[in-house]
Protein backbone atom coordinates (compact mmCIF):
# COMPACT_ATOMS: atom_id res chain seq x y z
CA MET A 1 -0.12 0.00 0.25
CA THR A 2 1.54 3.34 -0.87
CA THR A 3 1.64 6.20 1.33
CA GLU A 4 -0.90 8.12 -0.40
CA LEU A 5 -3.76 5.81 0.50
CA GLN A 6 -4.30 5.13 4.16
CA ASP A 7 -6.79 2.62 5.37
CA ARG A 8 -9.59 4.05 7.65
CA PRO A 9 -10.70 1.79 10.32
CA THR A 10 -14.55 2.65 9.91
CA THR A 11 -16.36 5.63 8.09
CA GLU A 12 -16.30 7.19 11.63
CA VAL A 13 -13.57 9.11 12.49
CA ALA A 14 -11.97 7.85 15.61
CA HIS A 15 -14.68 8.48 18.75
CA GLY A 16 -16.09 11.13 16.15
CA VAL A 17 -19.42 11.43 14.26
CA ALA A 18 -19.85 9.32 11.32
CA VAL A 19 -19.94 11.55 8.11
CA SER A 20 -22.38 10.23 5.62
CA ALA A 21 -21.10 8.36 2.76
CA GLY A 22 -23.25 10.07 0.25
CA ALA A 23 -21.68 12.83 -1.82
CA PHE A 24 -24.91 15.35 -2.34
CA SER A 25 -27.00 14.16 1.15
CA PRO A 26 -29.83 17.10 1.78
CA ARG A 27 -27.98 17.32 5.11
CA GLN A 28 -24.98 18.05 3.51
CA LEU A 29 -26.25 20.27 0.63
CA VAL A 30 -27.66 22.45 3.52
CA HIS A 31 -24.80 23.03 5.45
CA ALA A 32 -22.59 23.49 2.29
CA THR A 33 -25.07 26.41 1.12
CA PRO A 34 -23.75 29.05 3.16
CA GLU A 35 -19.97 28.39 2.18
CA ALA A 36 -21.42 28.38 -1.46
CA LEU A 37 -22.90 31.76 -1.32
CA ARG A 38 -19.60 33.17 0.41
CA LYS A 39 -17.43 31.85 -2.81
CA LEU A 40 -19.54 34.22 -4.70
CA ASP A 41 -16.50 36.54 -3.98
CA PRO A 42 -14.80 37.80 -7.08
CA ARG A 43 -11.46 36.68 -5.29
CA THR A 44 -12.49 33.23 -4.98
CA GLN A 45 -14.00 32.90 -8.41
CA LEU A 46 -10.98 34.00 -10.12
CA ARG A 47 -9.26 30.45 -8.95
CA ASN A 48 -11.84 29.12 -11.85
CA PRO A 49 -11.21 30.99 -14.97
CA VAL A 50 -14.36 29.53 -16.75
CA MET A 51 -16.58 30.07 -13.72
CA PHE A 52 -15.10 33.48 -13.24
CA VAL A 53 -16.09 34.20 -16.74
CA VAL A 54 -19.79 33.47 -15.86
CA TRP A 55 -19.54 35.45 -12.59
CA VAL A 56 -18.70 38.54 -14.65
CA GLY A 57 -21.55 37.63 -17.06
CA SER A 58 -24.06 37.10 -14.32
CA VAL A 59 -23.18 40.76 -12.86
CA VAL A 60 -23.35 42.44 -16.19
CA VAL A 61 -26.56 40.54 -16.98
CA THR A 62 -28.30 41.26 -13.56
CA VAL A 63 -27.49 44.73 -13.87
CA SER A 64 -28.99 44.83 -17.56
CA ALA A 65 -32.05 43.37 -16.16
CA ILE A 66 -32.29 45.63 -13.23
CA LEU A 67 -31.82 48.84 -15.65
CA SER A 68 -34.13 47.44 -18.44
CA PRO A 69 -36.40 44.61 -16.79
CA SER A 70 -37.53 41.95 -19.36
CA ALA A 71 -38.79 38.52 -18.61
CA PHE A 72 -35.95 37.26 -21.07
CA SER A 73 -33.16 39.28 -19.04
CA ILE A 74 -34.40 37.97 -15.73
CA LEU A 75 -34.45 34.37 -16.94
CA ILE A 76 -31.01 34.71 -18.22
CA ALA A 77 -29.86 36.42 -15.05
CA ILE A 78 -31.51 33.62 -12.70
CA TRP A 79 -29.83 30.92 -15.22
CA LEU A 80 -26.39 32.27 -14.91
CA TRP A 81 -26.44 32.80 -11.15
CA PHE A 82 -27.81 29.22 -10.69
CA THR A 83 -24.71 27.97 -12.82
CA VAL A 84 -22.32 29.79 -10.35
CA LEU A 85 -24.15 28.58 -7.15
CA PHE A 86 -24.12 25.17 -8.42
CA ALA A 87 -20.17 25.05 -8.98
CA ASN A 88 -19.62 26.68 -5.74
CA LEU A 89 -21.77 24.42 -4.07
CA ALA A 90 -20.08 21.11 -5.53
CA GLU A 91 -16.84 22.78 -4.14
CA ALA A 92 -18.17 23.57 -0.69
CA VAL A 93 -19.77 19.77 -0.30
CA ALA A 94 -16.08 18.80 -0.94
CA GLU A 95 -14.48 21.13 1.63
CA GLY A 96 -17.28 20.43 3.94
CA ARG A 97 -16.64 16.73 4.36
CA GLY A 98 -13.01 17.28 5.26
CA LYS A 99 -13.99 20.03 7.64
CA ALA A 100 -16.62 17.56 9.21
CA GLN A 101 -14.14 15.05 9.80
CA ALA A 102 -11.25 17.12 11.19
CA GLU A 103 -14.06 18.95 13.60
CA SER A 104 -14.69 15.33 14.99
CA LEU A 105 -11.23 14.77 15.69
CA ARG A 106 -10.61 18.19 17.49
CA ARG A 107 -13.86 17.42 19.41
CA THR A 108 -12.33 14.01 20.73
CA LYS A 109 -9.27 15.66 21.76
CA LYS A 110 -10.77 18.47 23.44
CA GLU A 111 -13.04 15.98 25.25
CA THR A 112 -9.99 13.70 26.71
CA VAL A 113 -9.32 14.47 30.33
CA ALA A 114 -5.67 14.13 31.23
CA ARG A 115 -4.65 13.22 35.15
CA ARG A 116 -1.47 15.40 35.66
CA LEU A 117 0.87 14.75 38.26
CA GLU A 118 2.04 17.92 40.27
CA LYS A 119 5.39 18.49 41.44
CA ASP A 120 3.92 17.28 44.97
CA GLY A 121 2.63 14.19 43.69
CA ALA A 122 -1.09 15.30 43.50
CA GLU A 123 -3.15 14.82 40.59
CA ALA A 124 -4.89 17.48 38.48
CA ALA A 125 -7.55 16.83 35.93
CA VAL A 126 -6.55 19.17 32.81
CA PRO A 127 -7.86 18.98 29.16
CA GLY A 128 -5.57 17.08 26.85
CA THR A 129 -4.98 20.00 24.84
CA ASP A 130 -3.24 21.85 27.94
CA LEU A 131 -0.65 19.32 28.03
CA ALA A 132 3.29 20.38 27.25
CA ILE A 133 6.10 18.81 26.69
CA GLY A 134 7.62 17.23 30.13
CA ASP A 135 4.26 16.66 31.68
CA LEU A 136 3.67 13.51 33.55
CA VAL A 137 0.23 11.87 33.22
CA VAL A 138 -1.00 8.80 35.05
CA VAL A 139 -3.30 6.50 32.83
CA GLU A 140 -4.85 3.46 34.08
CA ALA A 141 -7.24 0.66 32.62
CA GLY A 142 -10.01 1.69 30.44
CA GLU A 143 -8.73 5.37 30.05
CA THR A 144 -7.42 6.92 26.85
CA ILE A 145 -3.87 8.12 26.69
CA PRO A 146 -4.30 11.93 26.19
CA GLY A 147 -1.16 12.70 24.09
CA ASP A 148 2.09 11.26 22.47
CA GLY A 149 4.64 10.14 25.05
CA ASP A 150 7.21 7.87 26.64
CA VAL A 151 6.30 5.47 29.62
CA VAL A 152 8.35 6.52 32.47
CA ASP A 153 6.74 4.10 35.25
CA GLY A 154 4.77 0.87 35.04
CA ILE A 155 3.69 -1.57 32.49
CA ALA A 156 0.48 -2.21 30.75
CA THR A 157 -1.25 -3.67 27.74
CA VAL A 158 -2.45 -0.90 25.15
CA ASP A 159 -5.15 -1.34 22.60
CA GLU A 160 -3.61 0.40 19.36
CA SER A 161 -6.27 -1.04 16.91
CA ALA A 162 -7.68 2.60 16.33
CA ILE A 163 -4.31 3.65 14.79
CA THR A 164 -2.46 0.61 13.51
CA GLY A 165 -5.44 -1.86 12.48
CA GLU A 166 -3.96 -4.56 14.66
CA SER A 167 -6.50 -6.13 16.98
CA ALA A 168 -3.92 -7.59 19.49
CA PRO A 169 -3.06 -5.21 22.52
CA VAL A 170 0.55 -4.41 22.86
CA VAL A 171 2.77 -4.25 25.96
CA ARG A 172 4.40 -0.85 26.70
CA GLU A 173 6.55 -0.40 29.69
CA ALA A 174 9.29 1.81 30.89
CA GLY A 175 12.58 1.78 29.47
CA GLY A 176 13.56 -0.27 26.54
CA ASP A 177 12.16 0.14 22.87
CA ARG A 178 8.54 -0.58 23.89
CA SER A 179 7.89 2.66 26.05
CA SER A 180 6.49 4.87 23.40
CA VAL A 181 2.66 5.41 23.26
CA THR A 182 0.50 7.17 21.02
CA GLY A 183 -2.43 9.58 22.12
CA GLY A 184 -5.92 8.51 21.43
CA THR A 185 -4.95 4.66 22.36
CA THR A 186 -6.61 3.08 25.19
CA VAL A 187 -5.03 1.36 28.23
CA LEU A 188 -6.32 -2.24 28.74
CA SER A 189 -4.54 -3.24 32.13
CA ASP A 190 -2.46 -1.99 34.92
CA ARG A 191 -1.38 1.50 35.28
CA ILE A 192 1.36 3.36 33.45
CA VAL A 193 2.70 7.02 33.83
CA VAL A 194 3.65 8.93 30.71
CA LYS A 195 5.79 11.93 30.09
CA ILE A 196 4.52 13.91 27.06
CA THR A 197 7.01 14.24 24.36
CA THR A 198 5.39 16.22 21.82
CA LYS A 199 4.21 19.87 21.62
CA PRO A 200 0.54 21.12 21.49
CA GLY A 201 -0.53 20.86 17.77
CA GLU A 202 1.98 17.96 16.85
CA SER A 203 0.68 14.96 18.59
CA PHE A 204 -0.73 11.92 16.17
CA VAL A 205 -4.47 13.35 16.52
CA ASP A 206 -3.19 16.56 15.38
CA ARG A 207 -1.22 15.05 12.28
CA MET A 208 -4.45 13.12 11.46
CA ILE A 209 -6.45 16.42 11.74
CA ALA A 210 -4.11 17.80 9.23
CA LEU A 211 -4.33 14.86 6.99
CA VAL A 212 -7.95 14.59 6.73
CA GLU A 213 -8.15 18.42 5.92
CA GLY A 214 -5.59 18.23 3.24
CA ALA A 215 -7.16 15.36 1.79
CA SER A 216 -10.69 17.55 1.90
CA ARG A 217 -10.17 18.80 -1.91
CA GLN A 218 -6.93 18.43 -4.07
CA LYS A 219 -6.99 18.54 -7.54
CA THR A 220 -5.79 15.70 -9.64
CA PRO A 221 -2.92 16.42 -12.35
CA ASN A 222 -5.77 15.50 -14.81
CA GLU A 223 -7.88 18.04 -13.42
CA ILE A 224 -5.35 20.93 -13.59
CA ALA A 225 -4.41 19.79 -17.02
CA LEU A 226 -8.09 19.77 -17.88
CA THR A 227 -8.46 23.34 -16.04
CA ILE A 228 -5.56 24.85 -18.44
CA LEU A 229 -7.29 23.75 -21.41
CA LEU A 230 -10.86 24.99 -20.44
CA ALA A 231 -9.08 28.36 -19.55
CA ALA A 232 -7.36 28.42 -23.38
CA LEU A 233 -11.06 27.68 -24.79
CA THR A 234 -12.73 30.23 -22.92
CA ILE A 235 -10.38 32.83 -23.95
CA ILE A 236 -10.58 31.62 -27.58
CA PHE A 237 -14.59 31.84 -27.49
CA LEU A 238 -14.25 35.44 -25.51
CA LEU A 239 -12.57 36.93 -28.43
CA SER A 240 -15.12 35.17 -30.91
CA VAL A 241 -17.92 36.78 -28.99
CA VAL A 242 -16.22 40.11 -28.45
CA ALA A 243 -15.48 40.28 -32.57
CA LEU A 244 -19.15 39.26 -33.24
CA GLN A 245 -20.40 42.59 -31.96
CA PRO A 246 -18.55 44.65 -34.52
CA MET A 247 -19.51 42.43 -37.43
CA SER A 248 -23.23 42.36 -36.11
CA ALA A 249 -23.30 46.13 -35.89
CA TYR A 250 -21.59 46.24 -39.72
CA ALA A 251 -24.58 44.08 -40.64
CA GLY A 252 -27.10 46.20 -39.25
CA GLY A 253 -27.94 43.50 -36.74
CA GLU A 254 -26.21 44.59 -33.42
CA GLN A 255 -27.03 42.38 -30.66
CA SER A 256 -27.85 43.27 -27.10
CA LEU A 257 -25.36 42.61 -24.34
CA ILE A 258 -27.33 40.09 -22.86
CA VAL A 259 -27.72 37.90 -25.98
CA LEU A 260 -23.87 38.01 -26.39
CA THR A 261 -23.35 37.04 -22.69
CA ALA A 262 -25.86 34.07 -23.12
CA LEU A 263 -24.01 33.30 -25.99
CA LEU A 264 -20.67 33.13 -24.49
CA VAL A 265 -21.96 31.15 -21.30
CA CYS A 266 -23.15 28.66 -23.93
CA LEU A 267 -20.03 28.37 -26.17
CA ILE A 268 -17.38 28.00 -23.39
CA PRO A 269 -17.18 24.66 -21.63
CA THR A 270 -19.35 25.73 -18.44
CA THR A 271 -20.67 22.76 -17.66
CA ILE A 272 -17.22 21.07 -17.25
CA GLY A 273 -15.84 23.95 -15.53
CA ALA A 274 -18.53 23.38 -13.08
CA LEU A 275 -18.48 20.02 -12.74
CA LEU A 276 -14.78 19.59 -12.11
CA SER A 277 -15.30 19.81 -8.16
CA ALA A 278 -18.17 17.45 -8.49
CA ILE A 279 -16.05 15.03 -10.33
CA GLY A 280 -13.27 15.43 -7.58
CA ILE A 281 -16.10 14.49 -5.01
CA ALA A 282 -17.24 11.38 -6.72
CA GLY A 283 -13.86 10.17 -6.74
CA MET A 284 -13.30 10.93 -2.72
CA ASP A 285 -17.02 9.86 -2.35
CA ARG A 286 -15.96 6.05 -3.97
CA LEU A 287 -12.89 5.72 -1.87
CA VAL A 288 -14.69 7.07 1.29
CA GLN A 289 -17.39 4.26 0.91
CA ARG A 290 -14.54 1.67 0.91
CA ASN A 291 -13.13 3.26 4.00
CA VAL A 292 -10.03 4.83 2.34
CA LEU A 293 -8.70 8.04 2.68
CA ALA A 294 -6.92 9.65 -0.22
CA THR A 295 -4.09 12.22 0.58
CA SER A 296 -3.47 13.49 -2.70
CA GLY A 297 -5.41 14.08 -6.23
CA ARG A 298 -2.70 11.60 -7.61
CA ALA A 299 -3.87 8.77 -5.34
CA VAL A 300 -7.70 9.31 -6.37
CA GLU A 301 -6.65 8.71 -10.07
CA ALA A 302 -4.03 5.89 -8.80
CA ALA A 303 -7.30 4.34 -7.03
CA GLY A 304 -9.04 3.55 -10.26
CA ASP A 305 -6.12 1.54 -11.70
CA ILE A 306 -5.74 -0.77 -8.67
CA ASP A 307 -6.63 -4.19 -9.17
CA THR A 308 -5.14 -6.12 -6.38
CA LEU A 309 -4.27 -4.44 -3.07
CA LEU A 310 -1.52 -5.99 -0.71
CA LEU A 311 -1.69 -5.52 2.87
CA ASP A 312 0.79 -6.10 5.35
CA LYS A 313 -1.18 -6.90 8.25
CA THR A 314 -4.50 -8.64 8.97
CA GLY A 315 -5.89 -6.18 11.00
CA THR A 316 -6.29 -3.66 8.11
CA ILE A 317 -9.11 -5.65 6.86
CA THR A 318 -10.67 -6.54 9.81
CA PHE A 319 -13.04 -5.06 12.19
CA GLY A 320 -9.92 -5.16 14.86
CA ASN A 321 -11.88 -7.47 17.35
CA ARG A 322 -10.41 -11.42 18.14
CA GLN A 323 -12.75 -13.78 18.44
CA ALA A 324 -12.31 -17.70 20.04
CA THR A 325 -12.96 -19.95 16.68
CA GLU A 326 -11.67 -23.18 18.21
CA LEU A 327 -10.50 -25.39 21.24
CA ILE A 328 -7.70 -27.31 20.49
CA PRO A 329 -6.80 -30.31 23.41
CA VAL A 330 -3.14 -31.28 24.08
CA GLY A 331 -1.70 -34.29 25.65
CA GLY A 332 -5.02 -36.65 25.58
CA VAL A 333 -6.93 -34.28 27.12
CA ASP A 334 -10.55 -34.35 26.35
CA VAL A 335 -12.10 -31.21 24.49
CA ALA A 336 -14.81 -31.28 27.06
CA ASP A 337 -12.73 -30.97 29.97
CA LEU A 338 -10.69 -28.08 27.90
CA ALA A 339 -14.03 -26.45 27.15
CA ALA A 340 -15.34 -26.33 30.81
CA ALA A 341 -11.96 -24.74 32.15
CA ALA A 342 -11.69 -22.26 29.21
CA ARG A 343 -15.35 -21.14 30.09
CA LEU A 344 -14.42 -20.73 33.88
CA SER A 345 -11.44 -18.93 33.10
CA SER A 346 -13.47 -16.33 31.06
CA LEU A 347 -16.81 -16.04 33.12
CA ALA A 348 -15.52 -12.58 34.68
CA ASP A 349 -13.40 -11.43 31.55
CA GLN A 350 -15.40 -8.81 29.84
CA THR A 351 -13.05 -7.98 26.89
CA PRO A 352 -14.26 -9.32 23.59
CA GLU A 353 -12.15 -12.09 23.73
CA GLY A 354 -13.25 -13.04 26.87
CA ARG A 355 -16.98 -12.95 26.00
CA SER A 356 -16.22 -14.77 22.77
CA ILE A 357 -14.53 -17.89 24.68
CA VAL A 358 -17.78 -18.16 26.82
CA ALA A 359 -19.92 -18.03 23.49
CA LEU A 360 -17.83 -20.71 21.89
CA CYS A 361 -18.13 -22.88 24.69
CA ALA A 362 -22.17 -22.69 25.22
CA ALA A 363 -22.67 -22.83 21.68
CA GLY A 364 -20.32 -25.71 20.52
CA TYR A 365 -20.19 -27.34 23.90
CA GLY A 366 -23.52 -26.93 25.53
CA LEU A 367 -22.34 -25.22 28.44
CA ALA A 368 -24.25 -22.75 30.50
CA PRO A 369 -23.54 -18.94 29.25
CA GLU A 370 -23.85 -17.21 32.40
CA ALA A 371 -22.01 -17.95 35.75
CA ALA A 372 -23.87 -20.30 38.28
CA ALA A 373 -24.26 -18.93 41.95
CA ALA A 374 -21.26 -20.82 43.26
CA GLU A 375 -19.15 -20.02 40.07
CA ALA A 376 -20.03 -16.13 40.82
CA MET A 377 -18.48 -16.53 44.29
CA ALA A 378 -15.11 -17.33 42.72
CA GLU A 379 -12.18 -15.02 43.21
CA PHE A 380 -11.49 -13.48 39.82
CA VAL A 381 -7.80 -13.26 38.79
CA PRO A 382 -7.68 -10.14 36.18
CA PHE A 383 -4.98 -9.92 33.38
CA THR A 384 -1.98 -8.11 34.07
CA ALA A 385 1.07 -7.12 31.74
CA GLN A 386 3.62 -8.62 34.37
CA THR A 387 1.49 -11.92 34.36
CA ARG A 388 -0.09 -12.07 30.96
CA MET A 389 -2.56 -14.45 32.29
CA SER A 390 -6.26 -14.26 33.83
CA GLY A 391 -8.45 -16.88 35.29
CA LEU A 392 -9.82 -17.41 38.66
CA ASP A 393 -9.82 -19.53 41.74
CA LEU A 394 -12.66 -21.74 42.68
CA ALA A 395 -12.85 -24.41 45.29
CA GLY A 396 -9.36 -25.07 45.53
CA LYS A 397 -8.94 -25.12 41.82
CA GLU A 398 -6.73 -22.35 40.25
CA ILE A 399 -7.63 -21.82 36.40
CA ARG A 400 -5.65 -19.76 34.04
CA LYS A 401 -5.44 -18.67 30.38
CA GLY A 402 -2.94 -16.35 28.89
CA ALA A 403 -0.04 -16.32 26.57
CA ALA A 404 1.56 -19.94 26.14
CA GLY A 405 5.19 -18.68 27.44
CA SER A 406 3.66 -17.25 30.33
CA LEU A 407 1.36 -20.13 31.32
CA LEU A 408 4.22 -22.83 30.81
CA ALA A 409 6.20 -20.70 33.51
CA TRP A 410 3.37 -20.57 35.83
CA ALA A 411 2.87 -24.47 35.41
CA GLN A 412 6.50 -25.03 35.76
CA THR A 413 6.22 -27.37 32.52
CA SER A 414 7.38 -27.38 28.92
CA SER A 415 5.45 -29.24 26.15
CA ASP A 416 6.56 -29.70 22.80
CA GLU A 417 3.19 -30.25 21.76
CA ILE A 418 1.93 -26.94 23.09
CA LYS A 419 4.30 -25.23 21.39
CA ARG A 420 3.90 -26.94 18.04
CA VAL A 421 0.20 -26.00 18.48
CA VAL A 422 0.91 -22.25 19.04
CA ASP A 423 3.48 -21.70 16.14
CA GLN A 424 0.80 -23.35 13.99
CA ILE A 425 -1.99 -20.77 15.18
CA SER A 426 0.47 -17.86 15.14
CA ASP A 427 1.45 -18.99 11.16
CA ASP A 428 -2.09 -18.96 10.30
CA GLY A 429 -2.48 -15.41 11.45
CA GLY A 430 -4.48 -16.32 14.76
CA THR A 431 -3.52 -15.59 18.31
CA PRO A 432 -3.12 -18.41 20.89
CA LEU A 433 -4.28 -18.73 24.73
CA ALA A 434 -2.94 -21.66 26.48
CA VAL A 435 -5.25 -23.00 29.13
CA ALA A 436 -4.12 -24.94 32.59
CA VAL A 437 -5.31 -26.02 35.64
CA ARG A 438 -3.92 -26.33 39.38
CA GLU A 439 -5.41 -28.38 41.64
CA ASP A 440 -4.11 -30.37 44.73
CA GLY A 441 -0.45 -29.11 43.91
CA ALA A 442 -0.55 -30.42 40.43
CA THR A 443 -0.73 -28.40 37.25
CA ARG A 444 -1.95 -29.66 34.13
CA VAL A 445 -2.00 -27.82 30.69
CA LEU A 446 -5.08 -28.70 28.70
CA GLY A 447 -5.03 -27.14 25.41
CA VAL A 448 -5.08 -23.85 23.24
CA ILE A 449 -7.72 -21.69 22.48
CA ARG A 450 -7.37 -20.10 18.78
CA LEU A 451 -8.23 -16.56 18.38
CA SER A 452 -8.97 -15.24 15.11
CA ASP A 453 -9.36 -11.64 13.79
CA VAL A 454 -12.89 -10.92 12.46
């Protein structure tokens, strides 16, 4: 994938308001109308030579209609102004889409509240936009990281799927090469202290805002070439119409200024000039409907020639959720025993993965989807970045699920079969979770849960 085409996780901008996929929805037209009227400024019209000629003609005909009113002159004036407004509206709709997306991102940034550490160790709640380089902020499970920075204390798992497209959480810890965090991502477990490393206006979210605004309307190379051609044709037809009046006067059939203006507008490529922006909108809109943000006009044109798209990670083409799809027992364990242990270890796990494990055990093995009274009294062991496991303790039995390496270390055992299954799942693009049970001092690894991106 080139740098000019960037995948968007959804048609909504992160934590923002969805932007309608339709290019000319009534709501967008209503919002774009005031901007279309502001574009009647002659300085704005000068950027499109064809429409500037139409704008001048509209002014001339309107003045003539006021001085010498007639049905013909009034109709011509209305037609010319409608042409100008249509072109302005097409441009305003294109610009309005980018502004709406950028505004939703700005609103997200303003709504993020940071827990800044003061010099005396106290915490102060401040807007994320007020953070400066060097500020220390505390982020705990379930909270959003307010700005780009480095972890200076603690270790936690972070959900970066909204940015990278990868559904698997990543571990971020102080020191080393895994300390960098990005504003807008979510901490899933534990507690970390982040040192802000970017200036206000230079964070990832700010760069994304600039990207969206820059993509709102950029002329393609073909559109630029067509604009030059239309300008040349406009000059030719303008000279032709100007030369027509002396010849008409010489022949005794002098034409009115309104007729000549109408003729000029009909001769010059008015429709193409007015629809250039609409053509750009159509290209952008088709990409938006397919969840792709084009950052340049050249990318819009290149997208039309793409037959095969190669992606470097499965998360790019999924919803970013991992779901349990298979239970694989090892060491002669019955799959029913593995299902029972996997269900118990996930009853109190409210992550999408945990809920999907319970759902798989209920649908595939006839187990209850809800905890029984005795099970509800069990002690839940939450997942942490240090242990990389979760589970519960019930009636002298310890049940755990988690990363295979951590689980084997907890079980104080080694299993070539487990490693082979884990490697196979990883090679297939899935995520393996091993399951083990400790009872009466004996620990047994039951099998592996396969998580797949959906």
